[in-house]
Amino acid sequence: MLSPRSLLNVFLAASLGSIALTGISSVAAKAEIEIEVSLKERYLWLKDSGTVIKRYPIAIGAPETPTIPGVYSILKKVQDPTYYSKSHHKVFPAGPNDPVGVRFMPYLKAASDGKVYAVHGTAWPRWVHLRAAASLGCIRMLNSDVIEVFNQVEVGTPVVIR
């Protein structure tokens, strides 16, 4: 993007009949990575500037604990998360048997009850293969897939759930 001064220089040069390109540096366009989720189709698309890079199957929230549609952004990236089950009062160490899998990317912390919604892996790949509505509201991915997505997004990446 040109600075206001560079824009003024281009405008002045163009109005005089020639374009002087001094002081203007070319800047490569930055990728616009975005996550889009279809609750109906139960797929997650990783997009770059609107173009689909890859499509991944997902499991979504069960009817009693639905995934909430909306526009969010990645709040944090956690590699090898440790999960604490409040209902079972149990700690699950990081690894493929952890209910949240090997990567955890929260995108919403509900103001009402503090519940965290995230894109994450799973210890139950069958849910993802079936594209089931079985989670507590999070978006579950195969561990291999969530690693791919994790490696391509940053904190602040948009998450659009429709």
Protein backbone atom coordinates (compact mmCIF):
# COMPACT_ATOMS: atom_id res chain seq x y z
CA MET A 1 0.00 0.00 0.00
CA LEU A 2 1.27 3.44 -0.86
CA SER A 3 1.79 6.02 1.81
CA PRO A 4 -0.17 9.28 1.54
CA ARG A 5 3.06 11.03 0.51
CA SER A 6 3.75 8.46 -2.25
CA LEU A 7 0.17 8.80 -3.49
CA LEU A 8 0.60 12.58 -3.63
CA ASN A 9 3.86 12.15 -5.59
CA VAL A 10 2.16 9.84 -8.11
CA PHE A 11 -0.79 12.23 -8.43
CA LEU A 12 1.46 15.24 -8.96
CA ALA A 13 3.68 13.41 -11.46
CA ALA A 14 0.67 12.09 -13.38
CA SER A 15 -0.93 15.55 -13.52
CA LEU A 16 2.32 16.92 -15.00
CA GLY A 17 2.29 14.32 -17.76
CA SER A 18 4.85 11.86 -16.43
CA ILE A 19 4.99 9.34 -13.61
CA ALA A 20 8.02 9.42 -11.38
CA LEU A 21 8.44 6.15 -9.51
CA THR A 22 11.07 7.36 -7.07
CA GLY A 23 10.24 6.78 -3.44
CA ILE A 24 7.69 4.08 -4.21
CA SER A 25 8.60 0.62 -3.05
CA SER A 26 6.83 -2.46 -4.30
CA VAL A 27 5.29 -4.44 -1.48
CA ALA A 28 4.16 -8.01 -2.00
CA ALA A 29 0.50 -8.57 -1.21
CA LYS A 30 0.06 -10.35 2.10
CA ALA A 31 -1.98 -13.55 2.09
CA GLU A 32 -5.47 -13.24 3.50
CA ILE A 33 -5.86 -16.59 5.26
CA GLU A 34 -9.35 -17.38 6.54
CA ILE A 35 -11.14 -20.37 8.02
CA GLU A 36 -14.69 -20.97 6.84
CA VAL A 37 -16.94 -23.63 8.40
CA SER A 38 -20.20 -25.00 7.05
CA LEU A 39 -22.32 -26.47 9.83
CA LYS A 40 -24.71 -27.93 7.26
CA GLU A 41 -22.04 -29.63 5.14
CA ARG A 42 -19.69 -30.23 8.09
CA TYR A 43 -16.54 -29.15 6.35
CA LEU A 44 -13.89 -26.59 7.18
CA TRP A 45 -12.28 -24.71 4.30
CA LEU A 46 -8.91 -23.05 4.63
CA LYS A 47 -8.88 -20.09 2.24
CA ASP A 48 -6.23 -17.72 0.96
CA SER A 49 -7.63 -14.42 -0.37
CA GLY A 50 -11.01 -16.12 -0.93
CA THR A 51 -9.57 -19.12 -2.80
CA VAL A 52 -9.97 -22.53 -1.18
CA ILE A 53 -6.60 -24.05 -0.33
CA LYS A 54 -8.02 -27.24 1.15
CA ARG A 55 -11.25 -28.72 2.52
CA TYR A 56 -11.32 -30.78 5.72
CA PRO A 57 -14.09 -32.94 7.24
CA ILE A 58 -15.14 -31.92 10.75
CA ALA A 59 -17.37 -32.91 13.64
CA ILE A 60 -19.51 -30.15 15.14
CA GLY A 61 -21.51 -29.55 18.29
CA ALA A 62 -24.29 -31.92 19.26
CA PRO A 63 -27.86 -30.53 19.11
CA GLU A 64 -27.84 -29.93 22.89
CA THR A 65 -24.42 -28.20 22.73
CA PRO A 66 -24.36 -26.62 19.25
CA THR A 67 -21.53 -24.90 17.44
CA ILE A 68 -22.47 -21.22 17.34
CA PRO A 69 -22.57 -19.57 13.90
CA GLY A 70 -20.87 -16.20 13.54
CA VAL A 71 -17.69 -14.39 12.61
CA TYR A 72 -14.81 -14.80 15.05
CA SER A 73 -11.01 -14.89 15.00
CA ILE A 74 -8.34 -17.21 16.36
CA LEU A 75 -7.59 -16.00 19.92
CA LYS A 76 -4.64 -18.27 20.68
CA LYS A 77 -2.70 -21.24 19.29
CA VAL A 78 -1.83 -24.10 21.64
CA GLN A 79 0.44 -26.93 20.55
CA ASP A 80 0.07 -30.16 22.56
CA PRO A 81 -2.71 -28.91 24.87
CA THR A 82 -3.57 -30.48 28.21
CA TYR A 83 -7.31 -30.88 28.74
CA TYR A 84 -9.09 -30.70 32.08
CA SER A 85 -12.57 -32.24 32.21
CA LYS A 86 -14.69 -30.32 34.71
CA SER A 87 -17.42 -32.97 34.62
CA HIS A 88 -15.01 -35.86 35.29
CA HIS A 89 -12.49 -33.89 37.39
CA LYS A 90 -9.74 -35.45 35.31
CA VAL A 91 -6.65 -34.11 33.54
CA PHE A 92 -5.83 -35.52 30.12
CA PRO A 93 -2.15 -35.13 29.22
CA ALA A 94 -1.13 -33.76 25.84
CA GLY A 95 -1.11 -36.27 23.01
CA PRO A 96 -3.34 -38.10 20.54
CA ASN A 97 -5.51 -39.55 23.35
CA ASP A 98 -6.30 -36.08 24.66
CA PRO A 99 -9.99 -35.26 23.91
CA VAL A 100 -8.87 -32.01 22.22
CA GLY A 101 -6.15 -33.74 20.23
CA VAL A 102 -2.75 -32.32 19.42
CA ARG A 103 -3.64 -28.70 18.54
CA PHE A 104 -6.13 -26.25 20.06
CA MET A 105 -7.19 -22.89 18.56
CA PRO A 106 -9.87 -21.09 20.58
CA TYR A 107 -11.97 -18.56 18.67
CA LEU A 108 -14.70 -17.67 21.21
CA LYS A 109 -14.96 -17.39 24.96
CA ALA A 110 -18.63 -17.01 25.84
CA ALA A 111 -19.30 -14.07 28.12
CA SER A 112 -22.27 -15.76 29.79
CA ASP A 113 -20.54 -18.83 31.20
CA GLY A 114 -16.88 -18.55 30.13
CA LYS A 115 -17.17 -21.62 27.89
CA VAL A 116 -14.40 -21.77 25.28
CA TYR A 117 -15.14 -22.77 21.69
CA ALA A 118 -12.22 -23.90 19.53
CA VAL A 119 -11.01 -25.62 16.40
CA HIS A 120 -9.06 -28.61 17.68
CA GLY A 121 -8.03 -32.20 17.09
CA THR A 122 -9.70 -35.22 18.62
CA ALA A 123 -9.02 -38.58 20.23
CA TRP A 124 -12.09 -39.91 18.39
CA PRO A 125 -11.41 -39.71 14.64
CA ARG A 126 -14.55 -41.69 13.86
CA TRP A 127 -16.64 -38.62 14.79
CA VAL A 128 -14.81 -36.66 12.12
CA HIS A 129 -15.01 -39.44 9.51
CA LEU A 130 -18.79 -39.53 10.08
CA ARG A 131 -18.91 -35.69 10.13
CA ALA A 132 -20.99 -36.11 13.28
CA ALA A 133 -22.79 -33.58 15.46
CA ALA A 134 -21.25 -34.93 18.66
CA SER A 135 -18.98 -32.36 20.32
CA LEU A 136 -19.62 -29.89 23.14
CA GLY A 137 -19.80 -27.06 20.59
CA CYS A 138 -16.24 -27.09 19.29
CA ILE A 139 -15.07 -27.92 15.79
CA ARG A 140 -13.18 -31.22 15.85
CA MET A 141 -10.71 -32.21 13.15
CA LEU A 142 -8.47 -35.18 12.52
CA ASN A 143 -5.18 -34.59 14.32
CA SER A 144 -3.22 -34.64 11.04
CA ASP A 145 -5.63 -32.07 9.53
CA VAL A 146 -5.61 -29.73 12.52
CA ILE A 147 -1.80 -29.68 12.42
CA GLU A 148 -1.96 -28.54 8.77
CA VAL A 149 -4.41 -25.75 9.59
CA PHE A 150 -2.51 -24.76 12.77
CA ASN A 151 0.68 -24.33 10.74
CA GLN A 152 -1.02 -21.98 8.25
CA VAL A 153 -2.98 -19.65 10.52
CA GLU A 154 -2.00 -16.96 12.99
CA VAL A 155 -3.66 -15.44 16.03
CA GLY A 156 -6.27 -13.10 14.54
CA THR A 157 -7.10 -15.29 11.54
CA PRO A 158 -10.84 -14.92 10.78
CA VAL A 159 -13.12 -17.87 11.54
CA VAL A 160 -16.47 -17.69 9.71
CA ILE A 161 -19.04 -20.25 10.85
CA ARG A 162 -22.23 -20.47 8.83
